[in-house]
Amino acid sequence: MPDEQQFSNSPDNRPAPIHDATPANNGGPVGAHRAHGSAGKYILTALVSIFLTFTLTVGGGILVFLNAGNVLSGLASTTGLGIQFASDEKTQTALQKFKAVYDTLDKNYYKDLSDAEMLDAMTRGLVNEMDSPYTMYLDATQTQQIADSMSGNYGGIGAIVAFNASRQIEITEIIPDSPAEEAGLMAGDIFISVDGKSVENMQDTTELAVLVRGEQGTTVVLEMYRPSTNKTLTVNAVRRQITSASVSHHMINDTIGYVRISEFSNGVAEQFILAVEDLKTKGALNIVFDLRNNSGGLATEVIDMLDYLLPAAEIARIEGRNNGKSFSEDWTSKAEQGVPPTMRYAILLNEFSASASELFSGCLHDYKLARLIGEKSYGKGSGTVTYDLADGSSVNVTNFLYYLPGGTCIEGLGLTPDQEVKLPDSAIGKSVPQLTAAEDTQLAAGISYLQSLTGLQ
């Protein structure tokens, strides 16, 4: 059964978690309910980014006429696997073309491939050719890598990466005191090769993660390009177990608190609520939420966080398909609100803030509780269901679009900040925690906005 729902940011192709089975909702409208009920099925992340740690952090016969594993010479509307095709001329022509291609490869490809190898290639091709970049096939290694990355515990070098606008794999953040930091890596560095293997044609970040991860205590050799100096460098990083804190917080002054959320992984909602409760006891009237470089995570986590911040309200509406039927569903919060109704927020975003981050930000913004500050967000307004397959691989399927309380779907659009603020050139190469007070102009803008509200509360 689909495990979870995830939101995420991810330029072009980015991997996403994946699981097996049939979505619990068999189609048709679903009434409004407390969010966590069905949100656990979905994944609100495309995993455009992934923690480089870990020590880094459908049946087979699709469109093939099979009978006990043998390719039949004739066309049929139903395969040995029970796969049915329409009998119209267009479909039959497509089937004939497929058979011609299959036979050509089977008889003329320079390597003699088994039926199993051919079917595996077909499975990958069918999934990966869907028009949504978030629908993809992941092998068993990639599937495990993603599942582990969502746990918040990693063994590896302690870097977070994403595809940039030029389809290069770029470091977006360095975990403090990690092997990556000790090796001198910086945010903005671009991967060229890992242990001599080029990353140029990689289609998703899990391919990189598989190369970077390894036995703890071993060394990985990374060839990097640093745009800020226009130089190529080679660094050695010693892999080790890494645990990253997804939520950090502190008081900025007597009335303004700060909460940074790096990802919506397992347990983040509980950490978040504890952080906000602590800030409240210390006198926080308003809070800065820092979601820069947060590419998403689990739907259940972000929904529980919004449930805590909001009174009874709609969090989002989702519309999609399950088992061949259209469905719609409302995610709502309960009446009990965990914060004073007067509390307001400044939310910091950048181009790597995506999916769950955008739902969190957009929802609070639509209820006029938050001001968005920084840069335009990524623009992922869809969710995926993940399906585990018997061999440990999985399929990530774009299952629905989500709509913010105001009715907007931000798929491909992103959130435009109320106040656009760019970081200065001196911030190039630095992760968010490494920014000085003078460099972090986005945080300064958030503080200034919340200070302007103090006299009104």
Protein backbone atom coordinates (compact mmCIF):
# COMPACT_ATOMS: atom_id res chain seq x y z
CA MET A 1 0.00 0.00 0.00
CA PRO A 2 1.16 3.52 -0.59
CA ASP A 3 2.98 4.56 2.54
CA GLU A 4 3.15 8.28 2.57
CA GLN A 5 2.61 11.43 0.77
CA GLN A 6 5.46 13.73 0.14
CA PHE A 7 5.94 17.22 -1.14
CA SER A 8 9.20 18.49 -2.56
CA ASN A 9 11.18 20.74 -4.78
CA SER A 10 13.09 19.37 -7.66
CA PRO A 11 14.25 20.88 -10.92
CA ASP A 12 13.28 18.77 -13.90
CA ASN A 13 13.91 15.16 -12.86
CA ARG A 14 14.23 14.49 -9.22
CA PRO A 15 13.70 11.22 -7.43
CA ALA A 16 10.87 10.62 -5.04
CA PRO A 17 10.01 7.96 -2.49
CA ILE A 18 8.05 4.96 -3.69
CA HIS A 19 5.85 2.13 -2.36
CA ASP A 20 3.48 -0.68 -3.40
CA ALA A 21 -0.23 -1.09 -3.63
CA THR A 22 -3.54 0.56 -4.04
CA PRO A 23 -4.44 3.97 -2.68
CA ALA A 24 -6.97 3.71 0.11
CA ASN A 25 -9.43 6.00 -1.64
CA ASN A 26 -11.00 4.13 -4.52
CA GLY A 27 -12.21 7.21 -6.29
CA GLY A 28 -15.00 9.68 -5.88
CA PRO A 29 -15.27 12.68 -3.60
CA VAL A 30 -14.09 12.37 -0.06
CA GLY A 31 -15.64 14.52 2.63
CA ALA A 32 -13.70 17.03 4.65
CA HIS A 33 -11.88 15.50 7.60
CA ARG A 34 -9.00 15.98 9.97
CA ALA A 35 -5.94 16.09 7.77
CA HIS A 36 -3.93 13.14 8.92
CA GLY A 37 -6.58 10.61 7.97
CA SER A 38 -5.49 10.00 4.39
CA ALA A 39 -2.54 12.30 4.04
CA GLY A 40 -0.33 9.46 5.15
CA LYS A 41 -0.72 7.89 1.73
CA TYR A 42 1.05 10.65 -0.07
CA ILE A 43 4.48 12.14 -0.57
CA LEU A 44 4.82 15.88 -0.85
CA THR A 45 8.28 15.97 -2.30
CA ALA A 46 9.81 15.37 -5.63
CA LEU A 47 13.14 15.06 -3.95
CA VAL A 48 14.84 17.51 -6.22
CA SER A 49 17.30 17.58 -3.43
CA ILE A 50 18.65 14.83 -1.27
CA PHE A 51 20.88 14.55 1.74
CA LEU A 52 24.24 13.19 0.60
CA THR A 53 24.78 11.14 3.66
CA PHE A 54 24.26 7.39 4.29
CA THR A 55 27.83 6.94 4.50
CA LEU A 56 26.37 10.38 1.70
CA THR A 57 23.14 11.45 2.32
CA VAL A 58 2.95 -2.73 -13.01
CA GLY A 59 3.52 -5.75 -13.95
CA GLY A 60 6.50 -6.76 -15.97
CA GLY A 61 4.93 -7.40 -19.34
CA ILE A 62 3.70 -3.94 -20.10
CA LEU A 63 2.69 -3.70 -23.74
CA VAL A 64 4.32 -7.03 -24.44
CA PHE A 65 2.32 -10.03 -25.47
CA LEU A 66 3.40 -12.49 -22.82
CA ASN A 67 2.44 -15.97 -21.90
CA ALA A 68 4.52 -17.51 -19.11
CA GLY A 69 7.38 -15.20 -20.02
CA ASN A 70 7.40 -15.87 -23.78
CA VAL A 71 6.85 -13.17 -26.38
CA LEU A 72 3.97 -14.12 -28.64
CA SER A 73 4.17 -13.48 -32.33
CA GLY A 74 0.61 -12.30 -32.69
CA LEU A 75 -1.22 -9.31 -31.33
CA ALA A 76 -3.79 -9.80 -28.60
CA SER A 77 -6.04 -7.52 -26.64
CA THR A 78 -5.11 -9.27 -23.40
CA THR A 79 -1.62 -10.46 -22.43
CA GLY A 80 -0.83 -13.43 -20.27
CA LEU A 81 -0.64 -10.94 -17.40
CA GLY A 82 -4.18 -9.74 -17.89
CA ILE A 83 -3.19 -6.40 -19.42
CA GLN A 84 -5.93 -5.21 -21.75
CA PHE A 85 -5.72 -2.83 -24.68
CA ALA A 86 -8.40 -1.09 -26.69
CA SER A 87 -9.27 -2.63 -30.05
CA ASP A 88 -9.35 0.65 -31.99
CA GLU A 89 -7.09 1.11 -35.00
CA LYS A 90 -4.77 3.64 -33.34
CA THR A 91 -4.07 1.32 -30.41
CA GLN A 92 -3.52 -1.70 -32.66
CA THR A 93 -1.10 0.30 -34.83
CA ALA A 94 0.83 1.32 -31.73
CA LEU A 95 0.98 -2.32 -30.59
CA GLN A 96 2.30 -3.42 -33.96
CA LYS A 97 4.99 -0.75 -33.82
CA PHE A 98 5.93 -1.84 -30.33
CA LYS A 99 6.25 -5.46 -31.41
CA ALA A 100 8.44 -4.40 -34.34
CA VAL A 101 10.74 -2.43 -32.02
CA TYR A 102 10.88 -5.27 -29.50
CA ASP A 103 11.73 -7.84 -32.19
CA THR A 104 14.36 -5.54 -33.70
CA LEU A 105 16.13 -5.07 -30.37
CA ASP A 106 15.76 -8.73 -29.44
CA LYS A 107 17.41 -9.90 -32.66
CA ASN A 108 19.87 -7.12 -33.46
CA TYR A 109 21.06 -5.43 -30.26
CA TYR A 110 24.80 -5.99 -29.83
CA LYS A 111 24.22 -7.82 -26.53
CA ASP A 112 21.93 -10.81 -26.12
CA LEU A 113 19.46 -9.59 -23.50
CA SER A 114 17.19 -11.90 -21.56
CA ASP A 115 13.43 -11.41 -21.53
CA ALA A 116 13.75 -10.21 -17.94
CA GLU A 117 16.28 -7.54 -18.93
CA MET A 118 14.10 -6.39 -21.81
CA LEU A 119 11.04 -6.21 -19.57
CA ASP A 120 12.93 -4.27 -16.92
CA ALA A 121 14.02 -1.73 -19.54
CA MET A 122 10.43 -1.44 -20.73
CA THR A 123 9.19 -0.90 -17.20
CA ARG A 124 11.67 1.91 -16.65
CA GLY A 125 10.85 3.48 -19.99
CA LEU A 126 7.10 3.41 -19.49
CA VAL A 127 7.29 5.08 -16.09
CA ASN A 128 9.99 7.60 -16.91
CA GLU A 129 8.34 8.77 -20.13
CA MET A 130 5.25 10.08 -18.35
CA ASP A 131 4.93 13.85 -18.77
CA SER A 132 5.27 14.58 -15.05
CA PRO A 133 8.92 14.81 -13.95
CA TYR A 134 7.86 13.48 -10.53
CA THR A 135 6.65 10.15 -11.90
CA MET A 136 9.61 7.79 -12.01
CA TYR A 137 10.94 4.32 -11.47
CA LEU A 138 13.57 3.77 -8.79
CA ASP A 139 15.60 0.63 -8.35
CA ALA A 140 15.97 -1.04 -4.96
CA THR A 141 19.09 0.93 -4.02
CA GLN A 142 17.53 4.28 -4.90
CA THR A 143 14.33 3.35 -3.08
CA GLN A 144 16.20 2.55 0.11
CA GLN A 145 18.30 5.72 -0.22
CA ILE A 146 15.18 7.88 -0.32
CA ALA A 147 13.46 6.04 2.51
CA ASP A 148 16.52 6.52 4.68
CA SER A 149 16.89 10.17 3.72
CA MET A 150 13.38 10.86 5.01
CA SER A 151 14.25 9.41 8.42
CA GLY A 152 16.53 12.33 9.29
CA ASN A 153 19.50 10.07 10.12
CA TYR A 154 22.28 9.74 7.61
CA GLY A 155 25.75 8.35 7.24
CA GLY A 156 27.89 10.15 4.70
CA ILE A 157 29.41 13.54 3.96
CA GLY A 158 26.64 15.86 5.19
CA ALA A 159 25.78 17.88 2.10
CA ILE A 160 22.37 18.68 0.61
CA VAL A 161 22.18 18.87 -3.18
CA ALA A 162 19.71 19.75 -5.91
CA PHE A 163 19.62 20.24 -9.65
CA ASN A 164 20.09 23.91 -10.47
CA ALA A 165 18.52 25.72 -13.42
CA SER A 166 21.32 24.48 -15.69
CA ARG A 167 20.70 20.84 -14.69
CA GLN A 168 23.94 20.67 -12.72
CA ILE A 169 23.98 18.98 -9.33
CA GLU A 170 24.70 21.77 -6.88
CA ILE A 171 25.27 21.82 -3.14
CA THR A 172 22.52 23.90 -1.56
CA GLU A 173 23.59 23.46 2.03
CA ILE A 174 26.39 22.06 4.18
CA ILE A 175 25.48 20.46 7.51
CA PRO A 176 27.60 22.06 10.26
CA ASP A 177 30.55 20.00 11.55
CA SER A 178 30.08 17.46 8.77
CA PRO A 179 32.74 15.79 6.58
CA ALA A 180 31.63 18.09 3.75
CA GLU A 181 32.37 21.17 5.84
CA GLU A 182 35.66 19.72 7.06
CA ALA A 183 36.67 19.00 3.45
CA GLY A 184 36.09 22.65 2.53
CA LEU A 185 32.97 22.19 0.39
CA MET A 186 30.67 25.19 0.07
CA ALA A 187 27.08 25.89 -0.91
CA GLY A 188 27.03 26.54 -4.65
CA ASP A 189 29.75 24.00 -5.45
CA ILE A 190 28.85 21.83 -8.44
CA PHE A 191 29.65 18.11 -8.74
CA ILE A 192 31.80 17.01 -11.67
CA SER A 193 32.75 13.47 -10.65
CA VAL A 194 32.75 11.07 -7.70
CA ASP A 195 35.71 8.70 -7.39
CA GLY A 196 36.47 9.43 -11.03
CA LYS A 197 32.95 8.73 -12.32
CA SER A 198 31.30 11.65 -14.14
CA VAL A 199 27.93 12.88 -12.90
CA GLU A 200 27.19 14.84 -16.08
CA ASN A 201 24.38 12.66 -17.43
CA MET A 202 22.71 11.78 -14.16
CA GLN A 203 18.94 12.04 -14.26
CA ASP A 204 18.29 12.24 -10.54
CA THR A 205 20.16 13.00 -7.35
CA THR A 206 19.87 9.48 -5.99
CA GLU A 207 22.37 8.35 -8.62
CA LEU A 208 24.86 10.74 -7.07
CA ALA A 209 23.96 9.61 -3.56
CA VAL A 210 24.65 5.99 -4.44
CA LEU A 211 28.17 6.96 -5.54
CA VAL A 212 28.94 9.19 -2.57
CA ARG A 213 27.68 6.85 0.12
CA GLY A 214 29.87 4.03 1.35
CA GLU A 215 31.34 2.33 4.36
CA GLN A 216 31.91 4.67 7.29
CA GLY A 217 35.52 5.68 7.69
CA THR A 218 36.30 5.33 3.99
CA THR A 219 37.25 8.25 1.77
CA VAL A 220 35.33 9.51 -1.24
CA VAL A 221 37.12 11.68 -3.81
CA LEU A 222 34.99 14.51 -5.18
CA GLU A 223 35.81 16.68 -8.18
CA MET A 224 33.90 19.94 -7.89
CA TYR A 225 33.48 23.19 -9.79
CA ARG A 226 33.22 26.40 -7.75
CA PRO A 227 31.44 29.13 -9.77
CA SER A 228 32.40 31.87 -7.32
CA THR A 229 36.09 31.39 -8.20
CA ASN A 230 35.65 29.75 -11.62
CA LYS A 231 37.95 26.95 -10.46
CA THR A 232 37.83 23.18 -10.34
CA LEU A 233 38.94 21.49 -7.13
CA THR A 234 39.38 17.95 -5.86
CA VAL A 235 38.53 17.18 -2.24
CA ASN A 236 38.64 14.07 -0.08
CA ALA A 237 35.80 13.52 2.40
CA VAL A 238 35.74 10.77 5.01
CA ARG A 239 32.30 9.19 5.28
CA ARG A 240 30.67 8.93 8.69
CA GLN A 241 27.27 8.63 10.35
CA ILE A 242 25.42 11.93 10.30
CA THR A 243 22.30 12.99 12.14
CA SER A 244 20.77 16.24 11.00
CA ALA A 245 18.39 18.31 13.09
CA SER A 246 15.42 19.24 10.92
CA VAL A 247 14.22 21.99 13.27
CA SER A 248 16.28 24.62 15.10
CA HIS A 249 15.03 27.66 16.99
CA HIS A 250 16.02 30.64 19.11
CA MET A 251 14.77 34.04 20.22
CA ILE A 252 15.87 36.93 18.01
CA ASN A 253 14.81 39.57 20.54
CA ASP A 254 12.30 39.89 23.37
CA THR A 255 9.23 39.40 21.15
CA ILE A 256 10.37 37.68 17.94
CA GLY A 257 11.25 34.00 17.66
CA TYR A 258 13.03 32.15 14.85
CA VAL A 259 12.39 28.59 13.62
CA ARG A 260 14.36 27.00 10.81
CA ILE A 261 12.90 23.90 9.16
CA SER A 262 15.35 22.13 6.85
CA GLU A 263 13.00 19.32 5.75
CA PHE A 264 9.63 17.79 6.58
CA SER A 265 10.95 14.36 7.56
CA ASN A 266 9.60 11.94 10.16
CA GLY A 267 9.06 13.59 13.52
CA VAL A 268 9.44 17.19 12.33
CA ALA A 269 5.94 18.21 13.42
CA GLU A 270 6.66 17.18 16.99
CA GLN A 271 10.01 19.02 16.94
CA PHE A 272 8.31 22.07 15.44
CA ILE A 273 5.56 22.22 18.06
CA LEU A 274 8.10 21.87 20.88
CA ALA A 275 10.15 24.68 19.33
CA VAL A 276 7.19 27.05 19.03
CA GLU A 277 6.01 26.21 22.55
CA ASP A 278 9.48 27.04 23.86
CA LEU A 279 9.50 30.35 22.01
CA LYS A 280 6.06 31.21 23.41
CA THR A 281 7.26 30.64 26.97
CA LYS A 282 10.19 32.97 26.26
CA GLY A 283 7.89 35.77 25.15
CA ALA A 284 7.61 35.37 21.37
CA LEU A 285 4.66 37.26 19.93
CA ASN A 286 5.61 36.63 16.30
CA ILE A 287 7.93 34.17 14.55
CA VAL A 288 10.22 34.00 11.53
CA PHE A 289 9.89 30.64 9.76
CA ASP A 290 12.96 29.93 7.64
CA LEU A 291 12.19 27.49 4.80
CA ARG A 292 15.08 28.40 2.53
CA ASN A 293 16.48 25.29 0.77
CA ASN A 294 13.67 23.15 2.21
CA SER A 295 12.55 21.00 -0.70
CA GLY A 296 9.67 19.27 1.04
CA GLY A 297 8.88 16.04 2.80
CA LEU A 298 6.01 14.12 4.33
CA ALA A 299 2.45 15.38 3.99
CA THR A 300 1.51 14.22 7.47
CA GLU A 301 4.23 16.37 9.03
CA VAL A 302 3.39 19.64 7.29
CA ILE A 303 -0.33 19.09 7.88
CA ASP A 304 0.17 18.48 11.60
CA MET A 305 2.22 21.68 11.78
CA LEU A 306 -0.49 23.72 10.09
CA ASP A 307 -3.11 22.04 12.25
CA TYR A 308 -1.23 23.35 15.29
CA LEU A 309 -0.97 26.90 13.93
CA LEU A 310 -4.52 27.27 12.58
CA PRO A 311 -8.05 27.18 14.00
CA ALA A 312 -10.61 25.04 12.17
CA ALA A 313 -9.83 25.75 8.51
CA GLU A 314 -9.13 24.24 5.13
CA ILE A 315 -5.44 23.48 4.67
CA ALA A 316 -5.64 22.36 1.06
CA ARG A 317 -7.85 20.65 -1.47
CA ILE A 318 -6.41 17.86 -3.57
CA GLU A 319 -7.75 16.57 -6.89
CA GLY A 320 -6.43 13.52 -8.66
CA ARG A 321 -7.04 9.95 -9.80
CA ASN A 322 -7.03 6.60 -7.99
CA ASN A 323 -7.88 3.26 -9.55
CA GLY A 324 -9.01 4.95 -12.76
CA LYS A 325 -11.45 7.28 -11.00
CA SER A 326 -11.22 10.98 -10.26
CA PHE A 327 -11.30 12.03 -6.63
CA SER A 328 -11.18 15.17 -4.55
CA GLU A 329 -10.34 15.49 -0.89
CA ASP A 330 -10.13 18.27 1.68
CA TRP A 331 -7.35 18.51 4.22
CA THR A 332 -8.56 20.45 7.22
CA SER A 333 -7.41 21.49 10.68
CA LYS A 334 -9.32 20.97 13.91
CA ALA A 335 -10.70 23.81 16.01
CA GLU A 336 -8.04 23.79 18.73
CA GLN A 337 -5.29 26.29 17.89
CA GLY A 338 -1.89 25.93 19.54
CA VAL A 339 -0.82 29.55 19.20
CA PRO A 340 -2.47 32.91 20.01
CA PRO A 341 -4.72 34.07 17.14
CA THR A 342 -2.73 37.32 17.05
CA MET A 343 0.56 35.58 16.22
CA ARG A 344 1.98 36.49 12.79
CA TYR A 345 4.82 35.10 10.72
CA ALA A 346 7.53 36.13 8.30
CA ILE A 347 8.39 33.20 6.03
CA LEU A 348 11.75 33.14 4.25
CA LEU A 349 11.82 31.39 0.86
CA ASN A 350 14.22 30.86 -2.03
CA GLU A 351 14.29 28.98 -5.33
CA PHE A 352 14.91 25.67 -3.53
CA SER A 353 11.86 26.01 -1.26
CA ALA A 354 9.34 23.57 -2.67
CA SER A 355 6.24 21.46 -2.34
CA ALA A 356 5.57 20.93 1.39
CA SER A 357 7.38 24.22 2.02
CA GLU A 358 5.10 25.90 -0.49
CA LEU A 359 1.98 24.36 1.01
CA PHE A 360 3.01 25.50 4.49
CA SER A 361 3.85 29.01 3.30
CA GLY A 362 0.97 29.43 0.88
CA CYS A 363 -1.62 28.27 3.38
CA LEU A 364 -0.53 30.71 6.09
CA HIS A 365 -0.25 33.46 3.47
CA ASP A 366 -3.76 32.85 2.15
CA TYR A 367 -5.12 33.31 5.66
CA LYS A 368 -3.17 36.59 5.92
CA LEU A 369 -1.10 35.25 8.78
CA ALA A 370 2.26 35.41 7.01
CA ARG A 371 4.36 37.67 4.82
CA LEU A 372 6.53 35.87 2.24
CA ILE A 373 10.05 37.27 1.99
CA GLY A 374 13.03 36.36 -0.18
CA GLU A 375 12.90 34.82 -3.64
CA LYS A 376 10.28 33.06 -5.75
CA SER A 377 9.82 29.45 -4.66
CA TYR A 378 10.23 26.41 -6.87
CA GLY A 379 6.65 25.67 -7.88
CA LYS A 380 5.59 22.11 -7.10
CA GLY A 381 1.86 21.93 -6.58
CA SER A 382 1.46 18.19 -7.01
CA GLY A 383 1.75 15.16 -4.78
CA THR A 384 2.83 11.63 -5.41
CA VAL A 385 1.91 8.19 -4.18
CA THR A 386 4.75 5.73 -3.84
CA TYR A 387 4.41 2.02 -4.56
CA ASP A 388 6.89 -0.61 -3.38
CA LEU A 389 7.45 -3.46 -5.81
CA ALA A 390 8.29 -7.03 -4.86
CA ASP A 391 11.99 -6.78 -5.72
CA GLY A 392 12.57 -3.72 -3.51
CA SER A 393 12.26 -1.23 -6.36
CA SER A 394 9.40 1.23 -6.47
CA VAL A 395 7.32 3.52 -8.63
CA ASN A 396 6.57 7.12 -7.76
CA VAL A 397 3.32 8.25 -9.38
CA THR A 398 2.08 11.83 -9.62
CA ASN A 399 -1.35 11.28 -8.15
CA PHE A 400 -2.89 14.69 -7.51
CA LEU A 401 -2.62 18.47 -7.65
CA TYR A 402 -3.13 20.44 -4.46
CA TYR A 403 -4.91 23.76 -4.23
CA LEU A 404 -4.21 26.33 -1.54
CA PRO A 405 -7.11 27.73 0.55
CA GLY A 406 -7.41 30.65 -1.87
CA GLY A 407 -7.93 28.21 -4.76
CA THR A 408 -4.49 28.56 -6.38
CA CYS A 409 -2.44 25.62 -7.65
CA ILE A 410 1.22 26.65 -7.74
CA GLU A 411 2.40 23.78 -9.98
CA GLY A 412 5.02 25.27 -12.30
CA LEU A 413 4.40 28.75 -10.89
CA GLY A 414 5.79 28.92 -7.38
CA LEU A 415 5.01 31.48 -4.72
CA THR A 416 5.95 35.08 -5.46
CA PRO A 417 7.22 36.79 -2.31
CA ASP A 418 5.41 39.82 -0.93
CA GLN A 419 8.84 41.34 -0.47
CA GLU A 420 11.59 40.24 -2.84
CA VAL A 421 14.99 40.31 -1.16
CA LYS A 422 18.19 38.86 -2.60
CA LEU A 423 21.27 37.99 -0.60
CA PRO A 424 24.46 40.01 -1.25
CA ASP A 425 27.40 38.66 -3.23
CA SER A 426 29.28 38.04 0.00
CA ALA A 427 26.76 35.27 0.79
CA ILE A 428 27.77 33.22 -2.25
CA GLY A 429 29.08 29.82 -1.19
CA LYS A 430 27.53 29.96 2.26
CA SER A 431 24.76 27.84 3.71
CA VAL A 432 21.99 29.60 5.60
CA PRO A 433 23.49 28.86 9.05
CA GLN A 434 26.81 30.32 7.89
CA LEU A 435 25.41 33.74 6.96
CA THR A 436 26.41 36.68 9.11
CA ALA A 437 23.78 39.11 10.36
CA ALA A 438 24.95 41.67 7.79
CA GLU A 439 24.75 39.15 4.94
CA ASP A 440 21.34 37.73 5.78
CA THR A 441 19.27 40.54 4.31
CA GLN A 442 16.28 38.22 3.98
CA LEU A 443 16.20 37.49 7.69
CA ALA A 444 16.68 41.19 8.41
CA ALA A 445 13.64 41.98 6.27
CA GLY A 446 11.59 39.39 8.15
CA ILE A 447 12.60 40.84 11.51
CA SER A 448 11.81 44.37 10.32
CA TYR A 449 8.34 43.31 9.19
CA LEU A 450 7.51 41.59 12.48
CA GLN A 451 8.86 44.52 14.49
CA SER A 452 6.47 46.79 12.61
CA LEU A 453 3.58 44.70 13.96
CA THR A 454 4.58 44.83 17.62
CA GLY A 455 2.72 48.03 18.37
CA LEU A 456 -0.46 46.57 16.85
CA GLN A 457 -0.63 43.57 19.18
